[in-house]
């Protein structure tokens, strides 16, 4: 850690951090780590798979080009049927960007927060009912997008 030490002048390697040495952040991080048990990972894996499968089925049901990828508690919606292989393969074109905007606004209007580019992150407090609410919002929103296409 001596490379970060500023007591002798300019450190060999400067370092800053928003939460550096913040005791509240450290306690919150510790609490989060304690909540992440083997059982919670299994449950998050199950909820993630439920939502990924449900979103994929909603794309198909509404006749929209799209897919849902991810692992565990993370999943991402893509408005493309191209194979997802790297960041270039999922870079959205103009039409896909418009669908992401409509998707994000449609979800917000239904009380579901996702990243504006279609990324979702589940957390340990989420329940099966929460996952059902999210999937219902995804399905309704994709239905609206399909009706406008």
N, C-alpha and C. Protein backbone atom coordinates (compact mmCIF):
# COMPACT_ATOMS: atom_id res chain seq x y z
N UNK A 1 0.82 -1.20 0.00
CA UNK A 1 0.00 0.00 0.00
C UNK A 1 0.86 1.26 0.00
N UNK A 2 2.17 1.12 0.15
CA UNK A 2 3.05 2.28 0.19
C UNK A 2 2.98 3.10 -1.09
N UNK A 3 2.66 2.47 -2.21
CA UNK A 3 2.58 3.22 -3.47
C UNK A 3 1.46 4.25 -3.44
N UNK A 4 0.50 4.10 -2.57
CA UNK A 4 -0.62 5.04 -2.45
C UNK A 4 -0.39 6.10 -1.37
N UNK A 5 0.65 5.97 -0.57
CA UNK A 5 0.88 6.83 0.60
C UNK A 5 1.31 8.23 0.18
N UNK A 6 0.50 9.27 0.51
CA UNK A 6 0.85 10.63 0.11
C UNK A 6 1.66 11.39 1.17
N UNK A 7 2.03 10.74 2.29
CA UNK A 7 2.68 11.47 3.38
C UNK A 7 4.08 11.95 3.03
N UNK A 8 4.75 11.32 2.07
CA UNK A 8 6.09 11.74 1.67
C UNK A 8 6.10 12.57 0.41
N UNK A 9 4.97 13.14 0.04
CA UNK A 9 4.86 13.90 -1.20
C UNK A 9 3.87 13.21 -2.13
N UNK A 10 4.08 13.44 -3.41
CA UNK A 10 3.18 12.84 -4.39
C UNK A 10 3.32 11.32 -4.37
N UNK A 11 2.19 10.60 -4.21
CA UNK A 11 2.29 9.13 -4.17
C UNK A 11 2.71 8.56 -5.52
N UNK A 12 3.35 7.40 -5.49
CA UNK A 12 3.77 6.73 -6.73
C UNK A 12 2.57 6.40 -7.59
N UNK A 13 1.46 6.10 -6.96
CA UNK A 13 0.23 5.78 -7.69
C UNK A 13 -0.93 6.48 -6.99
N UNK A 14 -1.41 7.59 -7.57
CA UNK A 14 -2.54 8.28 -6.95
C UNK A 14 -3.80 7.41 -6.99
N UNK A 15 -4.61 7.57 -5.98
CA UNK A 15 -5.84 6.78 -5.91
C UNK A 15 -6.89 7.59 -5.17
N UNK A 16 -8.07 7.63 -5.74
CA UNK A 16 -9.19 8.27 -5.07
C UNK A 16 -10.36 7.32 -5.12
N UNK A 17 -11.30 7.51 -4.27
CA UNK A 17 -12.47 6.65 -4.28
C UNK A 17 -13.63 7.31 -3.58
N UNK A 18 -14.78 7.22 -4.19
CA UNK A 18 -15.97 7.83 -3.63
C UNK A 18 -16.28 7.28 -2.25
N UNK A 19 -16.07 5.98 -2.07
CA UNK A 19 -16.44 5.34 -0.80
C UNK A 19 -15.23 4.92 0.03
N UNK A 20 -14.05 5.41 -0.29
CA UNK A 20 -12.85 5.04 0.42
C UNK A 20 -12.97 5.41 1.89
N UNK A 21 -12.75 4.44 2.74
CA UNK A 21 -12.74 4.63 4.20
C UNK A 21 -14.08 5.11 4.75
N UNK A 22 -15.15 4.85 4.05
CA UNK A 22 -16.46 5.26 4.52
C UNK A 22 -17.04 4.11 5.34
N UNK A 23 -17.18 4.28 6.65
CA UNK A 23 -17.64 3.17 7.50
C UNK A 23 -19.06 2.71 7.19
N UNK A 24 -19.93 3.62 6.76
CA UNK A 24 -21.30 3.23 6.43
C UNK A 24 -21.29 2.31 5.21
N UNK A 25 -20.49 2.66 4.21
CA UNK A 25 -20.38 1.84 3.01
C UNK A 25 -19.81 0.47 3.35
N UNK A 26 -18.81 0.44 4.22
CA UNK A 26 -18.21 -0.85 4.61
C UNK A 26 -19.23 -1.74 5.32
N UNK A 27 -20.04 -1.15 6.19
CA UNK A 27 -21.07 -1.93 6.89
C UNK A 27 -22.14 -2.42 5.92
N UNK A 28 -22.52 -1.58 4.97
CA UNK A 28 -23.52 -1.98 3.97
C UNK A 28 -22.97 -3.11 3.11
N UNK A 29 -21.71 -2.99 2.70
CA UNK A 29 -21.07 -4.05 1.92
C UNK A 29 -21.01 -5.36 2.68
N UNK A 30 -20.66 -5.30 3.95
CA UNK A 30 -20.61 -6.50 4.79
C UNK A 30 -21.99 -7.13 4.92
N UNK A 31 -23.01 -6.31 5.13
CA UNK A 31 -24.39 -6.82 5.24
C UNK A 31 -24.81 -7.49 3.93
N UNK A 32 -24.46 -6.87 2.81
CA UNK A 32 -24.79 -7.46 1.51
C UNK A 32 -24.09 -8.80 1.32
N UNK A 33 -22.83 -8.86 1.68
CA UNK A 33 -22.09 -10.12 1.53
C UNK A 33 -22.69 -11.21 2.41
N UNK A 34 -23.13 -10.86 3.61
CA UNK A 34 -23.75 -11.85 4.50
C UNK A 34 -25.10 -12.33 3.96
N UNK A 35 -25.81 -11.46 3.23
CA UNK A 35 -27.10 -11.84 2.65
C UNK A 35 -26.94 -12.76 1.45
N UNK A 36 -25.77 -12.77 0.84
CA UNK A 36 -25.53 -13.60 -0.34
C UNK A 36 -25.10 -15.01 0.08
N UNK A 37 -26.07 -15.78 0.48
CA UNK A 37 -25.82 -17.17 0.88
C UNK A 37 -25.94 -18.08 -0.35
N UNK A 38 -25.57 -19.33 -0.18
CA UNK A 38 -25.73 -20.29 -1.28
C UNK A 38 -27.19 -20.36 -1.71
N UNK A 39 -28.09 -20.33 -0.75
CA UNK A 39 -29.51 -20.40 -1.05
C UNK A 39 -29.98 -19.17 -1.83
N UNK A 40 -29.45 -17.99 -1.47
CA UNK A 40 -29.88 -16.78 -2.18
C UNK A 40 -29.38 -16.80 -3.62
N UNK A 41 -28.20 -17.33 -3.87
CA UNK A 41 -27.70 -17.44 -5.24
C UNK A 41 -28.57 -18.40 -6.06
N UNK A 42 -28.98 -19.50 -5.45
CA UNK A 42 -29.87 -20.45 -6.13
C UNK A 42 -31.19 -19.78 -6.48
N UNK A 43 -31.73 -19.03 -5.53
CA UNK A 43 -33.00 -18.34 -5.76
C UNK A 43 -32.86 -17.27 -6.83
N UNK A 44 -31.78 -16.50 -6.80
CA UNK A 44 -31.57 -15.48 -7.83
C UNK A 44 -31.36 -16.11 -9.21
N UNK A 45 -30.67 -17.25 -9.26
CA UNK A 45 -30.51 -17.97 -10.53
C UNK A 45 -31.87 -18.37 -11.08
N UNK A 46 -32.74 -18.86 -10.20
CA UNK A 46 -34.07 -19.30 -10.61
C UNK A 46 -34.92 -18.12 -11.10
N UNK A 47 -34.89 -17.01 -10.37
CA UNK A 47 -35.64 -15.82 -10.79
C UNK A 47 -35.11 -15.28 -12.11
N UNK A 48 -33.80 -15.26 -12.26
CA UNK A 48 -33.20 -14.79 -13.51
C UNK A 48 -33.61 -15.65 -14.69
N UNK A 49 -33.58 -16.96 -14.51
CA UNK A 49 -33.98 -17.87 -15.59
C UNK A 49 -35.46 -17.69 -15.93
N UNK A 50 -36.29 -17.52 -14.91
CA UNK A 50 -37.72 -17.29 -15.12
C UNK A 50 -37.94 -16.05 -15.99
N UNK A 51 -37.24 -14.96 -15.67
CA UNK A 51 -37.41 -13.72 -16.41
C UNK A 51 -36.81 -13.79 -17.81
N UNK A 52 -35.64 -14.41 -17.95
CA UNK A 52 -35.05 -14.55 -19.29
C UNK A 52 -35.95 -15.38 -20.19
N UNK A 53 -36.43 -16.50 -19.69
CA UNK A 53 -37.32 -17.35 -20.48
C UNK A 53 -38.63 -16.65 -20.81
N UNK A 54 -39.17 -15.94 -19.82
CA UNK A 54 -40.43 -15.23 -20.03
C UNK A 54 -40.29 -14.09 -21.02
N UNK A 55 -39.19 -13.35 -20.96
CA UNK A 55 -38.97 -12.26 -21.92
C UNK A 55 -38.80 -12.81 -23.33
N UNK A 56 -38.05 -13.91 -23.46
CA UNK A 56 -37.87 -14.54 -24.78
C UNK A 56 -39.22 -14.98 -25.34
N UNK A 57 -40.06 -15.56 -24.51
CA UNK A 57 -41.39 -15.99 -24.95
C UNK A 57 -42.24 -14.79 -25.35
N UNK A 58 -42.11 -13.67 -24.64
CA UNK A 58 -42.88 -12.47 -24.96
C UNK A 58 -42.45 -11.90 -26.31
N UNK A 59 -41.16 -11.90 -26.60
CA UNK A 59 -40.70 -11.47 -27.92
C UNK A 59 -41.36 -12.32 -29.00
N UNK A 60 -41.34 -13.62 -28.80
CA UNK A 60 -41.92 -14.54 -29.78
C UNK A 60 -43.43 -14.34 -29.90
N UNK A 61 -44.11 -14.23 -28.77
CA UNK A 61 -45.57 -14.08 -28.76
C UNK A 61 -46.01 -12.82 -29.52
N UNK A 62 -45.22 -11.75 -29.41
CA UNK A 62 -45.58 -10.49 -30.04
C UNK A 62 -44.97 -10.32 -31.44
N UNK A 63 -44.24 -11.35 -31.89
CA UNK A 63 -43.67 -11.30 -33.23
C UNK A 63 -42.57 -10.26 -33.41
N UNK A 64 -41.85 -9.97 -32.34
CA UNK A 64 -40.77 -8.98 -32.40
C UNK A 64 -39.42 -9.68 -32.49
N UNK A 65 -38.52 -9.09 -33.28
CA UNK A 65 -37.14 -9.57 -33.28
C UNK A 65 -36.54 -9.19 -31.94
N UNK A 66 -36.01 -10.14 -31.22
CA UNK A 66 -35.41 -9.84 -29.93
C UNK A 66 -35.03 -11.09 -29.19
N UNK A 67 -34.25 -10.88 -28.17
CA UNK A 67 -33.80 -11.99 -27.33
C UNK A 67 -33.39 -11.44 -25.97
N UNK A 68 -33.24 -12.35 -25.05
CA UNK A 68 -32.86 -12.00 -23.69
C UNK A 68 -31.70 -12.90 -23.28
N UNK A 69 -30.60 -12.29 -22.89
CA UNK A 69 -29.41 -13.06 -22.49
C UNK A 69 -29.04 -12.69 -21.06
N UNK A 70 -28.22 -13.51 -20.47
CA UNK A 70 -27.75 -13.21 -19.13
C UNK A 70 -27.43 -14.47 -18.37
N UNK A 71 -27.10 -14.27 -17.12
CA UNK A 71 -26.75 -15.38 -16.24
C UNK A 71 -27.03 -14.95 -14.80
N UNK A 72 -27.54 -15.87 -14.02
CA UNK A 72 -27.80 -15.58 -12.62
C UNK A 72 -28.80 -14.46 -12.46
N UNK A 73 -28.41 -13.43 -11.73
CA UNK A 73 -29.33 -12.33 -11.42
C UNK A 73 -29.33 -11.23 -12.47
N UNK A 74 -28.56 -11.39 -13.53
CA UNK A 74 -28.49 -10.37 -14.58
C UNK A 74 -29.14 -10.85 -15.86
N UNK A 75 -29.84 -9.95 -16.53
CA UNK A 75 -30.32 -10.26 -17.87
C UNK A 75 -30.45 -8.99 -18.67
N UNK A 76 -30.29 -9.14 -19.98
CA UNK A 76 -30.33 -8.01 -20.88
C UNK A 76 -31.18 -8.34 -22.09
N UNK A 77 -32.03 -7.40 -22.44
CA UNK A 77 -32.91 -7.52 -23.59
C UNK A 77 -32.18 -6.92 -24.79
N UNK A 78 -32.29 -7.59 -25.93
CA UNK A 78 -31.73 -7.09 -27.19
C UNK A 78 -32.83 -7.10 -28.23
N UNK A 79 -32.99 -5.98 -28.93
CA UNK A 79 -33.99 -5.91 -30.00
C UNK A 79 -33.35 -6.32 -31.32
N UNK A 80 -32.85 -7.55 -31.36
CA UNK A 80 -32.25 -8.10 -32.56
C UNK A 80 -32.34 -9.61 -32.52
N UNK A 81 -32.41 -10.22 -33.68
CA UNK A 81 -32.37 -11.68 -33.75
C UNK A 81 -30.98 -12.15 -34.18
N UNK A 82 -30.06 -11.18 -34.42
CA UNK A 82 -28.68 -11.55 -34.75
C UNK A 82 -28.07 -12.31 -33.57
N UNK A 83 -27.15 -13.23 -33.85
CA UNK A 83 -26.47 -13.91 -32.74
C UNK A 83 -25.70 -12.91 -31.88
N UNK A 84 -25.80 -13.06 -30.58
CA UNK A 84 -25.09 -12.20 -29.64
C UNK A 84 -23.74 -12.85 -29.38
N UNK A 85 -22.68 -12.23 -29.91
CA UNK A 85 -21.35 -12.81 -29.76
C UNK A 85 -20.35 -11.86 -29.11
N UNK A 86 -20.54 -10.56 -29.32
CA UNK A 86 -19.67 -9.55 -28.73
C UNK A 86 -20.40 -8.21 -28.75
N UNK A 87 -19.74 -7.17 -28.30
CA UNK A 87 -20.43 -5.88 -28.21
C UNK A 87 -20.84 -5.35 -29.57
N UNK A 88 -20.08 -5.67 -30.61
CA UNK A 88 -20.44 -5.20 -31.95
C UNK A 88 -21.75 -5.83 -32.43
N UNK A 89 -21.97 -7.07 -32.06
CA UNK A 89 -23.16 -7.78 -32.54
C UNK A 89 -24.45 -7.26 -31.90
N UNK A 90 -24.34 -6.54 -30.82
CA UNK A 90 -25.53 -6.03 -30.14
C UNK A 90 -25.62 -4.52 -30.16
N UNK A 91 -24.69 -3.87 -30.84
CA UNK A 91 -24.74 -2.41 -30.92
C UNK A 91 -26.01 -2.03 -31.67
N UNK A 92 -26.90 -1.28 -31.03
CA UNK A 92 -28.21 -1.02 -31.65
C UNK A 92 -28.15 -0.01 -32.80
N UNK A 93 -28.88 -0.31 -33.85
CA UNK A 93 -29.08 0.63 -34.94
C UNK A 93 -30.16 1.62 -34.55
N UNK A 94 -30.50 2.51 -35.46
CA UNK A 94 -31.48 3.56 -35.18
C UNK A 94 -32.84 2.98 -34.76
N UNK A 95 -33.33 1.98 -35.51
CA UNK A 95 -34.63 1.40 -35.19
C UNK A 95 -34.60 0.71 -33.82
N UNK A 96 -33.50 0.03 -33.52
CA UNK A 96 -33.38 -0.65 -32.23
C UNK A 96 -33.29 0.35 -31.08
N UNK A 97 -32.60 1.47 -31.31
CA UNK A 97 -32.53 2.51 -30.26
C UNK A 97 -33.92 3.05 -29.95
N UNK A 98 -34.74 3.23 -30.98
CA UNK A 98 -36.11 3.69 -30.76
C UNK A 98 -36.91 2.69 -29.94
N UNK A 99 -36.69 1.40 -30.20
CA UNK A 99 -37.40 0.38 -29.43
C UNK A 99 -36.92 0.36 -27.98
N UNK A 100 -35.61 0.56 -27.76
CA UNK A 100 -35.11 0.63 -26.38
C UNK A 100 -35.73 1.80 -25.64
N UNK A 101 -35.86 2.94 -26.31
CA UNK A 101 -36.46 4.10 -25.66
C UNK A 101 -37.91 3.82 -25.28
N UNK A 102 -38.65 3.23 -26.21
CA UNK A 102 -40.06 2.89 -25.92
C UNK A 102 -40.15 1.83 -24.83
N UNK A 103 -39.23 0.88 -24.85
CA UNK A 103 -39.20 -0.19 -23.85
C UNK A 103 -38.95 0.39 -22.47
N UNK A 104 -37.93 1.24 -22.36
CA UNK A 104 -37.59 1.82 -21.07
C UNK A 104 -38.74 2.67 -20.53
N UNK A 105 -39.32 3.52 -21.38
CA UNK A 105 -40.42 4.37 -20.93
C UNK A 105 -41.65 3.53 -20.58
N UNK A 106 -41.91 2.48 -21.36
CA UNK A 106 -43.06 1.62 -21.06
C UNK A 106 -42.91 0.92 -19.73
N UNK A 107 -41.70 0.47 -19.42
CA UNK A 107 -41.46 -0.18 -18.13
C UNK A 107 -41.58 0.82 -16.99
N UNK A 108 -41.00 2.00 -17.16
CA UNK A 108 -41.10 3.03 -16.11
C UNK A 108 -42.56 3.35 -15.81
N UNK A 109 -43.35 3.45 -16.86
CA UNK A 109 -44.78 3.73 -16.69
C UNK A 109 -45.51 2.62 -15.95
N UNK A 110 -44.91 1.46 -15.90
CA UNK A 110 -45.50 0.32 -15.19
C UNK A 110 -44.79 0.04 -13.87
N UNK A 111 -43.95 0.98 -13.44
CA UNK A 111 -43.28 0.87 -12.15
C UNK A 111 -42.07 -0.03 -12.12
N UNK A 112 -41.48 -0.32 -13.29
CA UNK A 112 -40.30 -1.20 -13.35
C UNK A 112 -39.11 -0.39 -13.85
N UNK A 113 -38.04 -0.40 -13.08
CA UNK A 113 -36.83 0.33 -13.44
C UNK A 113 -35.80 -0.63 -14.00
N UNK A 114 -35.35 -0.33 -15.20
CA UNK A 114 -34.23 -1.06 -15.82
C UNK A 114 -33.28 -0.01 -16.36
N UNK A 115 -32.12 -0.45 -16.79
CA UNK A 115 -31.22 0.47 -17.47
C UNK A 115 -31.86 0.84 -18.81
N UNK A 116 -31.57 2.02 -19.30
CA UNK A 116 -32.18 2.49 -20.54
C UNK A 116 -31.81 1.63 -21.75
N UNK A 117 -30.77 0.83 -21.62
CA UNK A 117 -30.32 -0.03 -22.71
C UNK A 117 -30.72 -1.49 -22.51
N UNK A 118 -31.69 -1.73 -21.62
CA UNK A 118 -32.28 -3.06 -21.49
C UNK A 118 -31.65 -4.00 -20.49
N UNK A 119 -30.81 -3.50 -19.59
CA UNK A 119 -30.17 -4.34 -18.59
C UNK A 119 -30.99 -4.35 -17.31
N UNK A 120 -31.13 -5.53 -16.73
CA UNK A 120 -31.84 -5.71 -15.47
C UNK A 120 -30.90 -6.41 -14.48
N UNK A 121 -30.98 -6.02 -13.22
CA UNK A 121 -30.21 -6.66 -12.16
C UNK A 121 -31.16 -6.97 -11.00
N UNK A 122 -31.28 -8.23 -10.68
CA UNK A 122 -32.14 -8.66 -9.58
C UNK A 122 -31.37 -8.58 -8.27
N UNK A 123 -32.08 -8.51 -7.17
CA UNK A 123 -31.43 -8.44 -5.87
C UNK A 123 -32.10 -9.39 -4.88
N UNK A 124 -31.42 -9.65 -3.78
CA UNK A 124 -31.90 -10.64 -2.81
C UNK A 124 -33.27 -10.33 -2.22
N UNK A 125 -33.67 -9.07 -2.03
CA UNK A 125 -35.01 -8.84 -1.48
C UNK A 125 -36.15 -9.16 -2.45
N UNK A 126 -35.86 -9.31 -3.74
CA UNK A 126 -36.91 -9.55 -4.73
C UNK A 126 -37.56 -10.91 -4.51
N UNK A 127 -38.86 -10.93 -4.72
CA UNK A 127 -39.64 -12.15 -4.53
C UNK A 127 -40.12 -12.69 -5.88
N UNK A 128 -40.75 -13.84 -5.84
CA UNK A 128 -41.36 -14.41 -7.05
C UNK A 128 -42.45 -13.48 -7.56
N UNK A 129 -43.18 -12.85 -6.64
CA UNK A 129 -44.21 -11.89 -7.04
C UNK A 129 -43.60 -10.70 -7.76
N UNK A 130 -42.45 -10.22 -7.28
CA UNK A 130 -41.75 -9.12 -7.95
C UNK A 130 -41.36 -9.53 -9.36
N UNK A 131 -40.82 -10.74 -9.51
CA UNK A 131 -40.43 -11.23 -10.83
C UNK A 131 -41.64 -11.32 -11.75
N UNK A 132 -42.78 -11.74 -11.22
CA UNK A 132 -44.01 -11.79 -12.01
C UNK A 132 -44.45 -10.41 -12.45
N UNK A 133 -44.32 -9.42 -11.58
CA UNK A 133 -44.66 -8.04 -11.92
C UNK A 133 -43.75 -7.53 -13.03
N UNK A 134 -42.46 -7.82 -12.93
CA UNK A 134 -41.51 -7.39 -13.96
C UNK A 134 -41.84 -8.05 -15.29
N UNK A 135 -42.10 -9.35 -15.27
CA UNK A 135 -42.40 -10.06 -16.52
C UNK A 135 -43.70 -9.55 -17.15
N UNK A 136 -44.69 -9.27 -16.33
CA UNK A 136 -45.95 -8.73 -16.85
C UNK A 136 -45.71 -7.38 -17.53
N UNK A 137 -44.89 -6.53 -16.91
CA UNK A 137 -44.57 -5.22 -17.49
C UNK A 137 -43.80 -5.38 -18.79
N UNK A 138 -42.86 -6.32 -18.83
CA UNK A 138 -42.11 -6.58 -20.07
C UNK A 138 -43.06 -7.03 -21.17
N UNK A 139 -43.94 -7.96 -20.86
CA UNK A 139 -44.87 -8.48 -21.84
C UNK A 139 -45.79 -7.39 -22.39
N UNK A 140 -46.37 -6.58 -21.50
CA UNK A 140 -47.27 -5.50 -21.95
C UNK A 140 -46.50 -4.47 -22.79
N UNK A 141 -45.31 -4.13 -22.37
CA UNK A 141 -44.52 -3.14 -23.09
C UNK A 141 -44.13 -3.66 -24.48
N UNK A 142 -43.70 -4.91 -24.55
CA UNK A 142 -43.37 -5.48 -25.86
C UNK A 142 -44.62 -5.54 -26.75
N UNK A 143 -45.77 -5.78 -26.16
CA UNK A 143 -47.02 -5.76 -26.92
C UNK A 143 -47.28 -4.39 -27.52
N UNK A 144 -47.03 -3.34 -26.73
CA UNK A 144 -47.21 -1.97 -27.25
C UNK A 144 -46.24 -1.68 -28.37
N UNK A 145 -44.98 -2.10 -28.20
CA UNK A 145 -43.97 -1.86 -29.24
C UNK A 145 -44.34 -2.59 -30.52
N UNK A 146 -44.81 -3.82 -30.39
CA UNK A 146 -45.22 -4.61 -31.57
C UNK A 146 -46.39 -3.94 -32.28
N UNK A 147 -47.32 -3.38 -31.53
CA UNK A 147 -48.49 -2.74 -32.14
C UNK A 147 -48.10 -1.46 -32.90
N UNK A 148 -47.00 -0.85 -32.50
CA UNK A 148 -46.54 0.38 -33.16
C UNK A 148 -45.60 0.10 -34.33
N UNK A 149 -45.16 -1.15 -34.45
CA UNK A 149 -44.20 -1.50 -35.52
C UNK A 149 -44.89 -1.74 -36.83
